[in-house]
Amino acid sequence: MIKNKEKNHCVVLGVSYKTCPIDIRDNLSRALQNSEEALKSLLGLPGVSEAVVLATCNRAEIYVATLYPEMLRDTLLNWWAEFSKQDLSEVAPYCFYLTHIEAVNHLYTVVSSIDSLVLGENQILAQVRGAFLKAQEAGFTGTLLNHLFQTALFVGKQVRENTGIGDGTVSIAHAAVQLIEQEIGRLETTRVGILGLGEMGLLAATALSAAQVSSFSFFNRTFDKAKQFASRFGGEAYELESLSQQIKNLDVLITSVRYNDFILRKKDFELVQKPHLLIVDIASPRNVEPSVGELDDIRLFCVDDLKEIVEKNRSLRKQASERARLFIEEAALDFKEWFYSHRLTPLFLQMQEYHQKIGDFVLDKWKKKVSEEEYARLERFEEELRKKILHIPFESLKMLSVAGMGLESQLLLEKIYSLNFFKHGKDLDD
């Protein structure tokens, strides 16, 4: 159940490839992999009324609606450290915490892929949508986060349609293939294994096929999925358990499995007679234990090692990202106006009801004095006059609230338009 829907504020606590070492980021991300368990735990915290968690290969973030945005930081930090089984002192220095419109602006920036390792990459839009829908379908979101994430997805779509930020872009998987080409050279005779056949695995297979790779080995927990890839790209299909036996037949291994622990550890390689294996681990959390890279003739790379390659592509889309920021700024202002207007809705309804009662009282005096046709005209006149009278106060109060000066006016109007006057049966003629 969603608690305390009124007057909530948005906050975000997170880490990204910009702020946090991958070892710590892995653990924080791993804690959010079972999103329903994490969300249930979050909703049990004091002050948390809605929540969405986002975990990708570049970031791990917690979005929360709360009545106490300035006070919740330590509560969320302590929860995340404990939930991910890490020491608070190791986690805290790498986390950012944003409140109010800064949190809104951050999500809009994330979903527009301006904050991505690969500027303009398309996967983040689907990842944000998936994170939001999981939380919404499980009942962990309410009015505030529903509006925030729905508008964010719209912003992300608008940015891609109107700025060209995704034109010619590369994904993390494409960047991984570029890294392999840098390390090996031409790939026509390279024997490549792909572990994990989700979206990243598909992008990697597509990019490798375009680079003339013809010897593929596909490994997946679902064997039918591996057979589908083998049929599409050529090569062999294997169940996940076959990987340790097949490593010796590979020159390159790309891993992208969504899993809470390491799938490959140092001990899995120590008895394998396999020279010159290149591993690119683009999973989050990582699939391959970092100590594997200490073994002779094994080169191990992870997402953070792709930064140099990605940076070369970033300059090509810099102008598009500047245009995207205009969309983000406008959307953030729209959200701010919605936020304050939404909070004023009870007062607006109260003012409307107040004037409606006055109008009904005056109209009632004329009901028996005029014809039905004339009375209908009076009703229409009263309704139009009431709307005109209330329009300027409503708009003025919205503007004051957006500017941060509306609270005093709101409190005063709540007193002036108290419906207790009518409840006590006072005569309007007095």
Foldseek 3Di string as FASTA:
>chain_A
DFPDPAQWWKKKKKFFLVQDDLVLQLLLLLLCLVVVVVLVVQCPFPFFGFWFWFHFLTMTMIMTIGNCLVPCVVVVLVVSCVSSVHDSVRPVRRMDMDIHLVRLLVLLCQLLQVPPLQWQDNVSLVRLVVRVVVRVVVPRHDDQVVVSSVLSSVLNVCLVVPQVRNPPTDDLLLLVVVVVCVVPNQAQPFAEEEEACDPSNVSNLVNVVVSNHQEYEYEYCDQVSQVVSCVVRNYYTDYNVCCLVCQQVGQEYEYAHSDSDAQEELVSPPPHPHAQHEYEFAYRVTNYDVCNCVDHRYHYHYSSVSSVVSVVVVVVNPSSVVVSVVSSVVSSLVSLLVSQLVSCVVLLVLLLVLLVVVLVVVLVVCPVVDDPVVSVVSVVVSVVVSCVVCVVVSVVLSVCVSVVRNPVVSVVSCVVSPCVCVVVPDDPVD
